[in-house]
Amino acid sequence: MNIEFGNKIRQLREEKRKTNPAFSLRRFAQAVDVSPAFLSKLELGESLPPGAEKIKKMAGLLEVDPDELLSLAGKVDPGLPTIIRERPPMADFLRSANEHLSDEELKELTERIKKGEIC
């Protein structure tokens, strides 16, 4: 099971629930399209994380980076293999970035690309 992932989901959901009742366990489970029993077990570390699409939906609702939640769950975005197959230079870029850039440098580079500063 994955206690760290479950704890993170609970922490994020409970924080949101302080100001928004839509983040009660039951309502959040409904929004993610899982049962409240499953979500409870997940948050307690008694159930494996759901599939990547449900994790991405959780991330969207919780307003956090989906890749961070996917990583905690031991998963990757299911679209990445397609990106690499369709654009083979991406694999070399990822390997190079992994070998030569710190996490902070990766975040900075990503932000600059998103802002259109690097074309």
C-alpha atoms as a PDB file:
ATOM      1  CA  MET A   1       0.000   0.000   0.000  1.00  0.00           C
ATOM      2  CA  ASN A   2       1.062   3.639  -0.251  1.00  0.00           C
ATOM      3  CA  ILE A   3       0.762   5.538   3.027  1.00  0.00           C
ATOM      4  CA  GLU A   4       2.636   8.618   1.783  1.00  0.00           C
ATOM      5  CA  PHE A   5       0.260   9.126  -1.151  1.00  0.00           C
ATOM      6  CA  GLY A   6      -2.828   8.637   1.013  1.00  0.00           C
ATOM      7  CA  ASN A   7      -1.548  11.021   3.674  1.00  0.00           C
ATOM      8  CA  LYS A   8      -0.866  13.693   1.054  1.00  0.00           C
ATOM      9  CA  ILE A   9      -4.360  13.381  -0.425  1.00  0.00           C
ATOM     10  CA  ARG A  10      -5.919  13.598   3.033  1.00  0.00           C
ATOM     11  CA  GLN A  11      -3.776  16.598   3.989  1.00  0.00           C
ATOM     12  CA  LEU A  12      -4.625  18.486   0.793  1.00  0.00           C
ATOM     13  CA  ARG A  13      -8.322  17.592   0.956  1.00  0.00           C
ATOM     14  CA  GLU A  14      -8.662  18.527   4.630  1.00  0.00           C
ATOM     15  CA  GLU A  15      -6.958  21.861   4.007  1.00  0.00           C
ATOM     16  CA  LYS A  16      -9.439  22.644   1.219  1.00  0.00           C
ATOM     17  CA  ARG A  17     -12.353  21.443   3.360  1.00  0.00           C
ATOM     18  CA  LYS A  18     -11.665  24.187   5.903  1.00  0.00           C
ATOM     19  CA  THR A  19     -13.088  26.720   3.455  1.00  0.00           C
ATOM     20  CA  ASN A  20     -15.069  24.568   1.028  1.00  0.00           C
ATOM     21  CA  PRO A  21     -17.541  21.833   2.025  1.00  0.00           C
ATOM     22  CA  ALA A  22     -17.147  20.243  -1.432  1.00  0.00           C
ATOM     23  CA  PHE A  23     -13.977  18.689  -0.048  1.00  0.00           C
ATOM     24  CA  SER A  24     -15.674  16.460   2.494  1.00  0.00           C
ATOM     25  CA  LEU A  25     -14.606  12.853   2.021  1.00  0.00           C
ATOM     26  CA  ARG A  26     -17.956  11.876   0.512  1.00  0.00           C
ATOM     27  CA  ARG A  27     -18.232  14.821  -1.893  1.00  0.00           C
ATOM     28  CA  PHE A  28     -14.605  14.669  -2.974  1.00  0.00           C
ATOM     29  CA  ALA A  29     -14.949  10.934  -3.650  1.00  0.00           C
ATOM     30  CA  GLN A  30     -18.006  11.643  -5.770  1.00  0.00           C
ATOM     31  CA  ALA A  31     -16.168  14.373  -7.716  1.00  0.00           C
ATOM     32  CA  VAL A  32     -13.286  11.978  -8.429  1.00  0.00           C
ATOM     33  CA  ASP A  33     -15.702   9.144  -9.262  1.00  0.00           C
ATOM     34  CA  VAL A  34     -14.525   6.735  -6.557  1.00  0.00           C
ATOM     35  CA  SER A  35     -16.458   5.359  -3.613  1.00  0.00           C
ATOM     36  CA  PRO A  36     -16.153   7.066  -0.221  1.00  0.00           C
ATOM     37  CA  ALA A  37     -14.999   3.717   1.209  1.00  0.00           C
ATOM     38  CA  PHE A  38     -12.191   3.538  -1.347  1.00  0.00           C
ATOM     39  CA  LEU A  39     -11.110   7.132  -0.653  1.00  0.00           C
ATOM     40  CA  SER A  40     -11.114   6.482   3.090  1.00  0.00           C
ATOM     41  CA  LYS A  41      -8.958   3.381   2.679  1.00  0.00           C
ATOM     42  CA  LEU A  42      -6.689   5.257   0.278  1.00  0.00           C
ATOM     43  CA  GLU A  43      -6.162   8.082   2.757  1.00  0.00           C
ATOM     44  CA  LEU A  44      -5.382   5.555   5.487  1.00  0.00           C
ATOM     45  CA  GLY A  45      -2.833   3.800   3.286  1.00  0.00           C
ATOM     46  CA  GLU A  46      -4.952   0.652   3.148  1.00  0.00           C
ATOM     47  CA  SER A  47      -5.560   0.753  -0.595  1.00  0.00           C
ATOM     48  CA  LEU A  48      -3.360   1.136  -3.643  1.00  0.00           C
ATOM     49  CA  PRO A  49      -3.581   4.476  -5.465  1.00  0.00           C
ATOM     50  CA  PRO A  50      -6.122   4.671  -8.291  1.00  0.00           C
ATOM     51  CA  GLY A  51      -5.211   4.959 -11.949  1.00  0.00           C
ATOM     52  CA  ALA A  52      -3.350   7.923 -13.375  1.00  0.00           C
ATOM     53  CA  GLU A  53      -6.464   9.628 -14.760  1.00  0.00           C
ATOM     54  CA  LYS A  54      -8.172   9.649 -11.353  1.00  0.00           C
ATOM     55  CA  ILE A  55      -4.983  10.958  -9.750  1.00  0.00           C
ATOM     56  CA  LYS A  56      -4.855  13.741 -12.330  1.00  0.00           C
ATOM     57  CA  LYS A  57      -8.493  14.553 -11.547  1.00  0.00           C
ATOM     58  CA  MET A  58      -7.648  14.704  -7.825  1.00  0.00           C
ATOM     59  CA  ALA A  59      -4.739  17.022  -8.567  1.00  0.00           C
ATOM     60  CA  GLY A  60      -6.960  19.332 -10.587  1.00  0.00           C
ATOM     61  CA  LEU A  61      -9.554  19.543  -7.831  1.00  0.00           C
ATOM     62  CA  LEU A  62      -6.892  20.010  -5.166  1.00  0.00           C
ATOM     63  CA  GLU A  63      -5.027  22.548  -7.340  1.00  0.00           C
ATOM     64  CA  VAL A  64      -1.653  20.789  -7.145  1.00  0.00           C
ATOM     65  CA  ASP A  65       0.839  19.579  -9.730  1.00  0.00           C
ATOM     66  CA  PRO A  66      -0.484  16.275 -11.109  1.00  0.00           C
ATOM     67  CA  ASP A  67       3.037  15.003 -11.757  1.00  0.00           C
ATOM     68  CA  GLU A  68       3.904  15.323  -8.069  1.00  0.00           C
ATOM     69  CA  LEU A  69       0.865  13.250  -7.055  1.00  0.00           C
ATOM     70  CA  LEU A  70       1.548  10.733  -9.816  1.00  0.00           C
ATOM     71  CA  SER A  71       5.126  10.418  -8.592  1.00  0.00           C
ATOM     72  CA  LEU A  72       3.987   9.850  -4.998  1.00  0.00           C
ATOM     73  CA  ALA A  73       1.726   7.101  -6.331  1.00  0.00           C
ATOM     74  CA  GLY A  74       4.585   5.514  -8.263  1.00  0.00           C
ATOM     75  CA  LYS A  75       3.041   6.388 -11.623  1.00  0.00           C
ATOM     76  CA  VAL A  76       3.724   8.675 -14.586  1.00  0.00           C
ATOM     77  CA  ASP A  77       1.381  10.559 -16.859  1.00  0.00           C
ATOM     78  CA  PRO A  78       0.072   8.009 -19.377  1.00  0.00           C
ATOM     79  CA  GLY A  79       0.620  10.511 -22.193  1.00  0.00           C
ATOM     80  CA  LEU A  80       4.409  10.547 -21.799  1.00  0.00           C
ATOM     81  CA  PRO A  81       5.166   7.349 -23.748  1.00  0.00           C
ATOM     82  CA  THR A  82       3.176   8.712 -26.697  1.00  0.00           C
ATOM     83  CA  ILE A  83       5.071  12.018 -26.570  1.00  0.00           C
ATOM     84  CA  ILE A  84       8.390  10.154 -26.619  1.00  0.00           C
ATOM     85  CA  ARG A  85       7.279   7.849 -29.451  1.00  0.00           C
ATOM     86  CA  GLU A  86       6.039  10.767 -31.552  1.00  0.00           C
ATOM     87  CA  ARG A  87       9.025  13.007 -30.776  1.00  0.00           C
ATOM     88  CA  PRO A  88      12.106  10.820 -30.258  1.00  0.00           C
ATOM     89  CA  PRO A  89      14.404  13.782 -29.414  1.00  0.00           C
ATOM     90  CA  MET A  90      12.334  14.189 -26.228  1.00  0.00           C
ATOM     91  CA  ALA A  91      13.917  11.014 -24.838  1.00  0.00           C
ATOM     92  CA  ASP A  92      17.407  12.466 -25.282  1.00  0.00           C
ATOM     93  CA  PHE A  93      16.250  15.772 -23.787  1.00  0.00           C
ATOM     94  CA  LEU A  94      14.856  13.979 -20.720  1.00  0.00           C
ATOM     95  CA  ARG A  95      18.014  11.908 -20.245  1.00  0.00           C
ATOM     96  CA  SER A  96      20.221  14.984 -20.578  1.00  0.00           C
ATOM     97  CA  ALA A  97      18.085  17.078 -18.246  1.00  0.00           C
ATOM     98  CA  ASN A  98      18.028  14.250 -15.718  1.00  0.00           C
ATOM     99  CA  GLU A  99      21.832  13.985 -15.763  1.00  0.00           C
ATOM    100  CA  HIS A 100      22.707  17.676 -15.754  1.00  0.00           C
ATOM    101  CA  LEU A 101      19.929  19.727 -14.104  1.00  0.00           C
ATOM    102  CA  SER A 102      18.862  20.000 -10.466  1.00  0.00           C
ATOM    103  CA  ASP A 103      15.171  19.905  -9.565  1.00  0.00           C
ATOM    104  CA  GLU A 104      15.237  23.675  -9.107  1.00  0.00           C
ATOM    105  CA  GLU A 105      16.831  24.178 -12.525  1.00  0.00           C
ATOM    106  CA  LEU A 106      14.215  21.893 -14.105  1.00  0.00           C
ATOM    107  CA  LYS A 107      11.402  23.904 -12.541  1.00  0.00           C
ATOM    108  CA  GLU A 108      12.936  27.166 -13.735  1.00  0.00           C
ATOM    109  CA  LEU A 109      13.429  25.825 -17.268  1.00  0.00           C
ATOM    110  CA  THR A 110       9.857  24.522 -17.365  1.00  0.00           C
ATOM    111  CA  GLU A 111       8.477  27.894 -16.269  1.00  0.00           C
ATOM    112  CA  ARG A 112      10.531  29.722 -18.867  1.00  0.00           C
ATOM    113  CA  ILE A 113       9.271  27.374 -21.598  1.00  0.00           C
ATOM    114  CA  LYS A 114       5.657  27.832 -20.450  1.00  0.00           C
ATOM    115  CA  LYS A 115       6.077  31.615 -20.519  1.00  0.00           C
ATOM    116  CA  GLY A 116       7.426  31.445 -24.066  1.00  0.00           C
ATOM    117  CA  GLU A 117      10.837  32.730 -23.062  1.00  0.00           C
ATOM    118  CA  ILE A 118      12.487  29.717 -24.704  1.00  0.00           C
ATOM    119  CA  CYS A 119      11.265  28.729 -28.148  1.00  0.00           C
END
